[in-house]
Each structure stands twice: as structure tokens, then as C-alpha cells.
Amino acid sequence: MVTTDDFTKLAILSIKGEIKKRGLDMVKLTELFKAHGYIDTTEASLRRKIDRGGFSFVFFMQLMEVLDVDTMNVIFDERLSNCDLRLSKSSF
């Protein structure tokens, strides 16, 4: 049975992977959030939310906007043993 912890780990690894794939670090990600009008965002708050993995869907959508994601596919089997979260943006 898939647990909440399994999904939390998937969320953390997927988001960190997308950030790394785009060549960003937390400082640059914070700057992108602020450039998109999320002026109260701090590096520490982003790090906490992402490391916790239990962030809100609103935060997830803001993150997708900041990363310029226009397509998301989630593919997994019932045990999450073969799981893939694919996020893409038009310019890739």
C-alpha cells in the first residue's frame, strides 16, 4: 500500500529534480518567485516548504508558474516502485 510518506518523498525528489534540471539553486528560485510578484518569499521559506514536501497545492501551482511548467504528467504503478513525474516547459 502506498503511504502518505511515499507521496511526500516523491514530491520532494521531483521538485528538487526539476529545480536542479533548470540549473537553479534556492537563491535563484527565490529571485524568480519575487520576480513573479511573490514578494514575501524568502530563501528559508522556500527551502522549508520544499524539504517538508507537504506543501499546499497553491504553493505547487506557484512553483509551476515560476518554473514555467506548462505540462505535467504523473506516471506511477500502485506501489510507486516505478514512478515518474514529468514536468516540461515550452522552451525545453
PDB file of N, CA and C in Angstrom:
ATOM      1  N   MET A   1       0.835  -1.182   0.000  1.00  0.00           N
ATOM      2  CA  MET A   1       0.000   0.000   0.000  1.00  0.00           C
ATOM      3  C   MET A   1       0.885   1.252   0.000  1.00  0.00           C
ATOM      4  N   VAL A   2       0.521   2.186  -0.802  1.00  0.00           N
ATOM      5  CA  VAL A   2       1.249   3.449  -0.885  1.00  0.00           C
ATOM      6  C   VAL A   2       0.841   4.322   0.287  1.00  0.00           C
ATOM      7  N   THR A   3       1.836   4.894   0.955  1.00  0.00           N
ATOM      8  CA  THR A   3       1.563   5.726   2.127  1.00  0.00           C
ATOM      9  C   THR A   3       1.726   7.211   1.796  1.00  0.00           C
ATOM     10  N   THR A   4       1.284   8.024   2.711  1.00  0.00           N
ATOM     11  CA  THR A   4       1.483   9.464   2.579  1.00  0.00           C
ATOM     12  C   THR A   4       2.975   9.783   2.518  1.00  0.00           C
ATOM     13  N   ASP A   5       3.767   9.074   3.304  1.00  0.00           N
ATOM     14  CA  ASP A   5       5.223   9.277   3.275  1.00  0.00           C
ATOM     15  C   ASP A   5       5.800   9.001   1.895  1.00  0.00           C
ATOM     16  N   ASP A   6       5.276   7.985   1.199  1.00  0.00           N
ATOM     17  CA  ASP A   6       5.742   7.691  -0.156  1.00  0.00           C
ATOM     18  C   ASP A   6       5.490   8.871  -1.089  1.00  0.00           C
ATOM     19  N   PHE A   7       4.297   9.443  -1.004  1.00  0.00           N
ATOM     20  CA  PHE A   7       3.969  10.595  -1.846  1.00  0.00           C
ATOM     21  C   PHE A   7       4.784  11.826  -1.448  1.00  0.00           C
ATOM     22  N   THR A   8       5.043  11.979  -0.160  1.00  0.00           N
ATOM     23  CA  THR A   8       5.862  13.099   0.304  1.00  0.00           C
ATOM     24  C   THR A   8       7.267  12.998  -0.275  1.00  0.00           C
ATOM     25  N   LYS A   9       7.851  11.814  -0.208  1.00  0.00           N
ATOM     26  CA  LYS A   9       9.191  11.610  -0.772  1.00  0.00           C
ATOM     27  C   LYS A   9       9.194  11.888  -2.269  1.00  0.00           C
ATOM     28  N   LEU A  10       8.161  11.424  -2.965  1.00  0.00           N
ATOM     29  CA  LEU A  10       8.057  11.666  -4.401  1.00  0.00           C
ATOM     30  C   LEU A  10       7.978  13.162  -4.694  1.00  0.00           C
ATOM     31  N   ALA A  11       7.189  13.886  -3.913  1.00  0.00           N
ATOM     32  CA  ALA A  11       7.058  15.333  -4.114  1.00  0.00           C
ATOM     33  C   ALA A  11       8.399  16.032  -3.932  1.00  0.00           C
ATOM     34  N   ILE A  12       9.104  15.696  -2.863  1.00  0.00           N
ATOM     35  CA  ILE A  12      10.391  16.328  -2.573  1.00  0.00           C
ATOM     36  C   ILE A  12      11.401  16.038  -3.677  1.00  0.00           C
ATOM     37  N   LEU A  13      11.550  14.770  -4.026  1.00  0.00           N
ATOM     38  CA  LEU A  13      12.536  14.394  -5.049  1.00  0.00           C
ATOM     39  C   LEU A  13      12.193  14.977  -6.412  1.00  0.00           C
ATOM     40  N   SER A  14      10.919  14.990  -6.762  1.00  0.00           N
ATOM     41  CA  SER A  14      10.505  15.515  -8.066  1.00  0.00           C
ATOM     42  C   SER A  14      10.771  17.011  -8.182  1.00  0.00           C
ATOM     43  N   ILE A  15      10.373  17.750  -7.161  1.00  0.00           N
ATOM     44  CA  ILE A  15      10.560  19.204  -7.196  1.00  0.00           C
ATOM     45  C   ILE A  15      12.042  19.559  -7.179  1.00  0.00           C
ATOM     46  N   LYS A  16      12.814  18.917  -6.311  1.00  0.00           N
ATOM     47  CA  LYS A  16      14.250  19.195  -6.275  1.00  0.00           C
ATOM     48  C   LYS A  16      14.912  18.843  -7.603  1.00  0.00           C
ATOM     49  N   GLY A  17      14.460  17.764  -8.216  1.00  0.00           N
ATOM     50  CA  GLY A  17      14.998  17.368  -9.514  1.00  0.00           C
ATOM     51  C   GLY A  17      14.708  18.403 -10.592  1.00  0.00           C
ATOM     52  N   GLU A  18      13.495  18.930 -10.595  1.00  0.00           N
ATOM     53  CA  GLU A  18      13.137  19.943 -11.585  1.00  0.00           C
ATOM     54  C   GLU A  18      13.923  21.232 -11.371  1.00  0.00           C
ATOM     55  N   ILE A  19      14.125  21.608 -10.128  1.00  0.00           N
ATOM     56  CA  ILE A  19      14.902  22.810  -9.827  1.00  0.00           C
ATOM     57  C   ILE A  19      16.337  22.627 -10.310  1.00  0.00           C
ATOM     58  N   LYS A  20      16.905  21.471 -10.016  1.00  0.00           N
ATOM     59  CA  LYS A  20      18.284  21.187 -10.428  1.00  0.00           C
ATOM     60  C   LYS A  20      18.391  21.101 -11.953  1.00  0.00           C
ATOM     61  N   LYS A  21      17.417  20.469 -12.586  1.00  0.00           N
ATOM     62  CA  LYS A  21      17.436  20.327 -14.045  1.00  0.00           C
ATOM     63  C   LYS A  21      17.457  21.691 -14.741  1.00  0.00           C
ATOM     64  N   ARG A  22      16.847  22.664 -14.108  1.00  0.00           N
ATOM     65  CA  ARG A  22      16.799  24.011 -14.685  1.00  0.00           C
ATOM     66  C   ARG A  22      18.006  24.857 -14.272  1.00  0.00           C
ATOM     67  N   GLY A  23      18.938  24.241 -13.548  1.00  0.00           N
ATOM     68  CA  GLY A  23      20.161  24.943 -13.167  1.00  0.00           C
ATOM     69  C   GLY A  23      19.951  26.000 -12.100  1.00  0.00           C
ATOM     70  N   LEU A  24      18.930  25.811 -11.285  1.00  0.00           N
ATOM     71  CA  LEU A  24      18.618  26.797 -10.255  1.00  0.00           C
ATOM     72  C   LEU A  24      19.093  26.323  -8.888  1.00  0.00           C
ATOM     73  N   ASP A  25      19.313  27.277  -8.012  1.00  0.00           N
ATOM     74  CA  ASP A  25      19.520  26.992  -6.604  1.00  0.00           C
ATOM     75  C   ASP A  25      18.449  27.777  -5.851  1.00  0.00           C
ATOM     76  N   MET A  26      18.447  27.687  -4.544  1.00  0.00           N
ATOM     77  CA  MET A  26      17.395  28.343  -3.766  1.00  0.00           C
ATOM     78  C   MET A  26      17.449  29.870  -3.884  1.00  0.00           C
ATOM     79  N   VAL A  27      18.634  30.424  -4.021  1.00  0.00           N
ATOM     80  CA  VAL A  27      18.756  31.875  -4.180  1.00  0.00           C
ATOM     81  C   VAL A  27      18.094  32.311  -5.485  1.00  0.00           C
ATOM     82  N   LYS A  28      18.414  31.625  -6.567  1.00  0.00           N
ATOM     83  CA  LYS A  28      17.821  31.974  -7.869  1.00  0.00           C
ATOM     84  C   LYS A  28      16.320  31.708  -7.884  1.00  0.00           C
ATOM     85  N   LEU A  29      15.899  30.611  -7.243  1.00  0.00           N
ATOM     86  CA  LEU A  29      14.473  30.313  -7.181  1.00  0.00           C
ATOM     87  C   LEU A  29      13.732  31.396  -6.410  1.00  0.00           C
ATOM     88  N   THR A  30      14.315  31.861  -5.331  1.00  0.00           N
ATOM     89  CA  THR A  30      13.716  32.949  -4.555  1.00  0.00           C
ATOM     90  C   THR A  30      13.582  34.208  -5.412  1.00  0.00           C
ATOM     91  N   GLU A  31      14.609  34.512  -6.181  1.00  0.00           N
ATOM     92  CA  GLU A  31      14.562  35.677  -7.070  1.00  0.00           C
ATOM     93  C   GLU A  31      13.445  35.526  -8.100  1.00  0.00           C
ATOM     94  N   LEU A  32      13.268  34.317  -8.628  1.00  0.00           N
ATOM     95  CA  LEU A  32      12.192  34.076  -9.595  1.00  0.00           C
ATOM     96  C   LEU A  32      10.820  34.264  -8.946  1.00  0.00           C
ATOM     97  N   PHE A  33      10.660  33.772  -7.734  1.00  0.00           N
ATOM     98  CA  PHE A  33       9.388  33.961  -7.031  1.00  0.00           C
ATOM     99  C   PHE A  33       9.097  35.446  -6.872  1.00  0.00           C
ATOM    100  N   LYS A  34      10.088  36.203  -6.460  1.00  0.00           N
ATOM    101  CA  LYS A  34       9.894  37.646  -6.277  1.00  0.00           C
ATOM    102  C   LYS A  34       9.609  38.343  -7.594  1.00  0.00           C
ATOM    103  N   ALA A  35      10.268  37.918  -8.670  1.00  0.00           N
ATOM    104  CA  ALA A  35      10.032  38.498  -9.996  1.00  0.00           C
ATOM    105  C   ALA A  35       8.608  38.225 -10.485  1.00  0.00           C
ATOM    106  N   HIS A  36       8.003  37.157  -9.992  1.00  0.00           N
ATOM    107  CA  HIS A  36       6.631  36.828 -10.350  1.00  0.00           C
ATOM    108  C   HIS A  36       5.617  37.469  -9.396  1.00  0.00           C
ATOM    109  N   GLY A  37       6.092  38.321  -8.500  1.00  0.00           N
ATOM    110  CA  GLY A  37       5.198  39.052  -7.622  1.00  0.00           C
ATOM    111  C   GLY A  37       4.990  38.443  -6.247  1.00  0.00           C
ATOM    112  N   TYR A  38       5.660  37.341  -5.949  1.00  0.00           N
ATOM    113  CA  TYR A  38       5.547  36.720  -4.629  1.00  0.00           C
ATOM    114  C   TYR A  38       6.630  37.314  -3.732  1.00  0.00           C
ATOM    115  N   ILE A  39       6.428  38.588  -3.368  1.00  0.00           N
ATOM    116  CA  ILE A  39       7.483  39.375  -2.732  1.00  0.00           C
ATOM    117  C   ILE A  39       7.798  38.949  -1.304  1.00  0.00           C
ATOM    118  N   ASP A  40       6.873  38.242  -0.650  1.00  0.00           N
ATOM    119  CA  ASP A  40       7.113  37.802   0.723  1.00  0.00           C
ATOM    120  C   ASP A  40       7.916  36.499   0.795  1.00  0.00           C
ATOM    121  N   THR A  41       8.291  35.959  -0.348  1.00  0.00           N
ATOM    122  CA  THR A  41       9.028  34.705  -0.384  1.00  0.00           C
ATOM    123  C   THR A  41      10.466  34.920   0.045  1.00  0.00           C
ATOM    124  N   THR A  42      10.937  34.047   0.926  1.00  0.00           N
ATOM    125  CA  THR A  42      12.340  34.085   1.331  1.00  0.00           C
ATOM    126  C   THR A  42      12.986  32.756   0.972  1.00  0.00           C
ATOM    127  N   GLU A  43      14.294  32.767   0.904  1.00  0.00           N
ATOM    128  CA  GLU A  43      15.028  31.535   0.624  1.00  0.00           C
ATOM    129  C   GLU A  43      14.713  30.487   1.690  1.00  0.00           C
ATOM    130  N   ALA A  44      14.679  30.904   2.942  1.00  0.00           N
ATOM    131  CA  ALA A  44      14.403  29.975   4.039  1.00  0.00           C
ATOM    132  C   ALA A  44      13.001  29.379   3.939  1.00  0.00           C
ATOM    133  N   SER A  45      12.022  30.199   3.582  1.00  0.00           N
ATOM    134  CA  SER A  45      10.650  29.682   3.494  1.00  0.00           C
ATOM    135  C   SER A  45      10.513  28.694   2.339  1.00  0.00           C
ATOM    136  N   LEU A  46      11.158  28.982   1.215  1.00  0.00           N
ATOM    137  CA  LEU A  46      11.132  28.035   0.093  1.00  0.00           C
ATOM    138  C   LEU A  46      11.788  26.717   0.473  1.00  0.00           C
ATOM    139  N   ARG A  47      12.945  26.811   1.079  1.00  0.00           N
ATOM    140  CA  ARG A  47      13.675  25.600   1.475  1.00  0.00           C
ATOM    141  C   ARG A  47      12.836  24.746   2.428  1.00  0.00           C
ATOM    142  N   ARG A  48      12.198  25.388   3.420  1.00  0.00           N
ATOM    143  CA  ARG A  48      11.366  24.654   4.380  1.00  0.00           C
ATOM    144  C   ARG A  48      10.201  23.956   3.683  1.00  0.00           C
ATOM    145  N   LYS A  49       9.508  24.692   2.817  1.00  0.00           N
ATOM    146  CA  LYS A  49       8.350  24.112   2.132  1.00  0.00           C
ATOM    147  C   LYS A  49       8.755  22.921   1.271  1.00  0.00           C
ATOM    148  N   ILE A  50       9.813  23.072   0.515  1.00  0.00           N
ATOM    149  CA  ILE A  50      10.235  22.005  -0.394  1.00  0.00           C
ATOM    150  C   ILE A  50      10.783  20.824   0.391  1.00  0.00           C
ATOM    151  N   ASP A  51      11.597  21.077   1.406  1.00  0.00           N
ATOM    152  CA  ASP A  51      12.158  19.988   2.213  1.00  0.00           C
ATOM    153  C   ASP A  51      11.081  19.236   2.994  1.00  0.00           C
ATOM    154  N   ARG A  52      10.034  19.925   3.371  1.00  0.00           N
ATOM    155  CA  ARG A  52       8.935  19.300   4.111  1.00  0.00           C
ATOM    156  C   ARG A  52       8.120  18.396   3.189  1.00  0.00           C
ATOM    157  N   GLY A  53       7.946  18.828   1.934  1.00  0.00           N
ATOM    158  CA  GLY A  53       7.220  18.023   0.961  1.00  0.00           C
ATOM    159  C   GLY A  53       5.715  18.065   1.099  1.00  0.00           C
ATOM    160  N   GLY A  54       5.222  18.560   2.198  1.00  0.00           N
ATOM    161  CA  GLY A  54       3.785  18.597   2.422  1.00  0.00           C
ATOM    162  C   GLY A  54       3.198  19.963   2.135  1.00  0.00           C
ATOM    163  N   PHE A  55       3.647  20.586   1.074  1.00  0.00           N
ATOM    164  CA  PHE A  55       3.198  21.943   0.756  1.00  0.00           C
ATOM    165  C   PHE A  55       1.798  21.924   0.149  1.00  0.00           C
ATOM    166  N   SER A  56       1.189  23.097   0.139  1.00  0.00           N
ATOM    167  CA  SER A  56      -0.169  23.219  -0.397  1.00  0.00           C
ATOM    168  C   SER A  56      -0.150  23.148  -1.923  1.00  0.00           C
ATOM    169  N   PHE A  57      -1.317  22.857  -2.465  1.00  0.00           N
ATOM    170  CA  PHE A  57      -1.450  22.829  -3.920  1.00  0.00           C
ATOM    171  C   PHE A  57      -1.255  24.231  -4.489  1.00  0.00           C
ATOM    172  N   VAL A  58      -1.647  25.240  -3.743  1.00  0.00           N
ATOM    173  CA  VAL A  58      -1.433  26.627  -4.177  1.00  0.00           C
ATOM    174  C   VAL A  58       0.055  26.893  -4.352  1.00  0.00           C
ATOM    175  N   PHE A  59       0.863  26.482  -3.370  1.00  0.00           N
ATOM    176  CA  PHE A  59       2.311  26.657  -3.491  1.00  0.00           C
ATOM    177  C   PHE A  59       2.839  25.879  -4.697  1.00  0.00           C
ATOM    178  N   PHE A  60       2.350  24.657  -4.890  1.00  0.00           N
ATOM    179  CA  PHE A  60       2.779  23.850  -6.024  1.00  0.00           C
ATOM    180  C   PHE A  60       2.481  24.575  -7.337  1.00  0.00           C
ATOM    181  N   MET A  61       1.293  25.161  -7.472  1.00  0.00           N
ATOM    182  CA  MET A  61       0.936  25.879  -8.691  1.00  0.00           C
ATOM    183  C   MET A  61       1.806  27.125  -8.873  1.00  0.00           C
ATOM    184  N   GLN A  62       2.107  27.821  -7.795  1.00  0.00           N
ATOM    185  CA  GLN A  62       3.011  28.972  -7.877  1.00  0.00           C
ATOM    186  C   GLN A  62       4.391  28.521  -8.345  1.00  0.00           C
ATOM    187  N   LEU A  63       4.857  27.409  -7.804  1.00  0.00           N
ATOM    188  CA  LEU A  63       6.152  26.866  -8.206  1.00  0.00           C
ATOM    189  C   LEU A  63       6.153  26.498  -9.683  1.00  0.00           C
ATOM    190  N   MET A  64       5.065  25.910 -10.158  1.00  0.00           N
ATOM    191  CA  MET A  64       4.974  25.549 -11.580  1.00  0.00           C
ATOM    192  C   MET A  64       5.006  26.802 -12.456  1.00  0.00           C
ATOM    193  N   GLU A  65       4.340  27.850 -12.004  1.00  0.00           N
ATOM    194  CA  GLU A  65       4.364  29.113 -12.745  1.00  0.00           C
ATOM    195  C   GLU A  65       5.786  29.667 -12.806  1.00  0.00           C
ATOM    196  N   VAL A  66       6.463  29.686 -11.664  1.00  0.00           N
ATOM    197  CA  VAL A  66       7.812  30.235 -11.579  1.00  0.00           C
ATOM    198  C   VAL A  66       8.783  29.420 -12.447  1.00  0.00           C
ATOM    199  N   LEU A  67       8.607  28.093 -12.469  1.00  0.00           N
ATOM    200  CA  LEU A  67       9.474  27.231 -13.282  1.00  0.00           C
ATOM    201  C   LEU A  67       9.042  27.197 -14.743  1.00  0.00           C
ATOM    202  N   ASP A  68       7.956  27.899 -15.070  1.00  0.00           N
ATOM    203  CA  ASP A  68       7.430  27.979 -16.429  1.00  0.00           C
ATOM    204  C   ASP A  68       7.018  26.604 -16.958  1.00  0.00           C
ATOM    205  N   VAL A  69       6.395  25.828 -16.094  1.00  0.00           N
ATOM    206  CA  VAL A  69       5.916  24.499 -16.468  1.00  0.00           C
ATOM    207  C   VAL A  69       4.563  24.640 -17.144  1.00  0.00           C
ATOM    208  N   ASP A  70       4.421  24.034 -18.308  1.00  0.00           N
ATOM    209  CA  ASP A  70       3.125  24.074 -18.963  1.00  0.00           C
ATOM    210  C   ASP A  70       2.490  22.692 -19.115  1.00  0.00           C
ATOM    211  N   THR A  71       3.226  21.650 -18.816  1.00  0.00           N
ATOM    212  CA  THR A  71       2.698  20.285 -18.900  1.00  0.00           C
ATOM    213  C   THR A  71       3.219  19.461 -17.742  1.00  0.00           C
ATOM    214  N   MET A  72       2.327  18.678 -17.132  1.00  0.00           N
ATOM    215  CA  MET A  72       2.733  17.794 -16.061  1.00  0.00           C
ATOM    216  C   MET A  72       2.084  16.437 -16.282  1.00  0.00           C
ATOM    217  N   ASN A  73       2.901  15.395 -16.268  1.00  0.00           N
ATOM    218  CA  ASN A  73       2.406  14.024 -16.360  1.00  0.00           C
ATOM    219  C   ASN A  73       2.909  13.259 -15.150  1.00  0.00           C
ATOM    220  N   VAL A  74       2.007  12.586 -14.481  1.00  0.00           N
ATOM    221  CA  VAL A  74       2.393  11.742 -13.356  1.00  0.00           C
ATOM    222  C   VAL A  74       2.110  10.304 -13.758  1.00  0.00           C
ATOM    223  N   ILE A  75       3.149   9.491 -13.718  1.00  0.00           N
ATOM    224  CA  ILE A  75       3.032   8.096 -14.120  1.00  0.00           C
ATOM    225  C   ILE A  75       3.572   7.248 -12.980  1.00  0.00           C
ATOM    226  N   PHE A  76       2.746   6.383 -12.415  1.00  0.00           N
ATOM    227  CA  PHE A  76       3.243   5.520 -11.345  1.00  0.00           C
ATOM    228  C   PHE A  76       2.423   4.243 -11.280  1.00  0.00           C
ATOM    229  N   ASP A  77       3.078   3.199 -10.769  1.00  0.00           N
ATOM    230  CA  ASP A  77       2.332   1.975 -10.514  1.00  0.00           C
ATOM    231  C   ASP A  77       1.770   2.035  -9.103  1.00  0.00           C
ATOM    232  N   GLU A  78       1.007   1.062  -8.718  1.00  0.00           N
ATOM    233  CA  GLU A  78       0.300   1.123  -7.433  1.00  0.00           C
ATOM    234  C   GLU A  78       1.210   1.103  -6.218  1.00  0.00           C
ATOM    235  N   ARG A  79       2.457   0.674  -6.376  1.00  0.00           N
ATOM    236  CA  ARG A  79       3.389   0.629  -5.255  1.00  0.00           C
ATOM    237  C   ARG A  79       4.395   1.776  -5.298  1.00  0.00           C
ATOM    238  N   LEU A  80       4.307   2.639  -6.279  1.00  0.00           N
ATOM    239  CA  LEU A  80       5.252   3.730  -6.504  1.00  0.00           C
ATOM    240  C   LEU A  80       6.669   3.216  -6.741  1.00  0.00           C
ATOM    241  N   SER A  81       6.791   1.915  -7.055  1.00  0.00           N
ATOM    242  CA  SER A  81       8.126   1.385  -7.307  1.00  0.00           C
ATOM    243  C   SER A  81       8.629   1.826  -8.675  1.00  0.00           C
ATOM    244  N   ASN A  82       7.729   2.168  -9.540  1.00  0.00           N
ATOM    245  CA  ASN A  82       8.100   2.684 -10.852  1.00  0.00           C
ATOM    246  C   ASN A  82       7.306   3.967 -11.050  1.00  0.00           C
ATOM    247  N   CYS A  83       7.893   5.069 -10.650  1.00  0.00           N
ATOM    248  CA  CYS A  83       7.168   6.331 -10.621  1.00  0.00           C
ATOM    249  C   CYS A  83       7.947   7.412 -11.350  1.00  0.00           C
ATOM    250  N   ASP A  84       7.231   8.233 -12.053  1.00  0.00           N
ATOM    251  CA  ASP A  84       7.882   9.299 -12.797  1.00  0.00           C
ATOM    252  C   ASP A  84       6.959  10.512 -12.813  1.00  0.00           C
ATOM    253  N   LEU A  85       7.490  11.659 -12.464  1.00  0.00           N
ATOM    254  CA  LEU A  85       6.760  12.915 -12.565  1.00  0.00           C
ATOM    255  C   LEU A  85       7.483  13.727 -13.615  1.00  0.00           C
ATOM    256  N   ARG A  86       6.825  14.002 -14.705  1.00  0.00           N
ATOM    257  CA  ARG A  86       7.453  14.747 -15.796  1.00  0.00           C
ATOM    258  C   ARG A  86       6.824  16.116 -15.920  1.00  0.00           C
ATOM    259  N   LEU A  87       7.649  17.107 -15.738  1.00  0.00           N
ATOM    260  CA  LEU A  87       7.209  18.494 -15.895  1.00  0.00           C
ATOM    261  C   LEU A  87       7.982  19.063 -17.063  1.00  0.00           C
ATOM    262  N   SER A  88       7.300  19.801 -17.898  1.00  0.00           N
ATOM    263  CA  SER A  88       8.014  20.362 -19.033  1.00  0.00           C
ATOM    264  C   SER A  88       7.562  21.793 -19.285  1.00  0.00           C
ATOM    265  N   LYS A  89       8.437  22.487 -19.986  1.00  0.00           N
ATOM    266  CA  LYS A  89       8.104  23.845 -20.388  1.00  0.00           C
ATOM    267  C   LYS A  89       8.365  23.974 -21.871  1.00  0.00           C
ATOM    268  N   SER A  90       7.713  24.898 -22.474  1.00  0.00           N
ATOM    269  CA  SER A  90       7.769  25.033 -23.923  1.00  0.00           C
ATOM    270  C   SER A  90       9.179  25.230 -24.465  1.00  0.00           C
ATOM    271  N   SER A  91      10.022  25.924 -23.725  1.00  0.00           N
ATOM    272  CA  SER A  91      11.331  26.256 -24.259  1.00  0.00           C
ATOM    273  C   SER A  91      12.334  25.113 -24.163  1.00  0.00           C
ATOM    274  N   PHE A  92      11.963  23.995 -23.542  1.00  0.00           N
ATOM    275  CA  PHE A  92      12.886  22.850 -23.459  1.00  0.00           C
ATOM    276  C   PHE A  92      12.857  22.060 -24.729  1.00  0.00           C
TER     277      PHE A  92
END
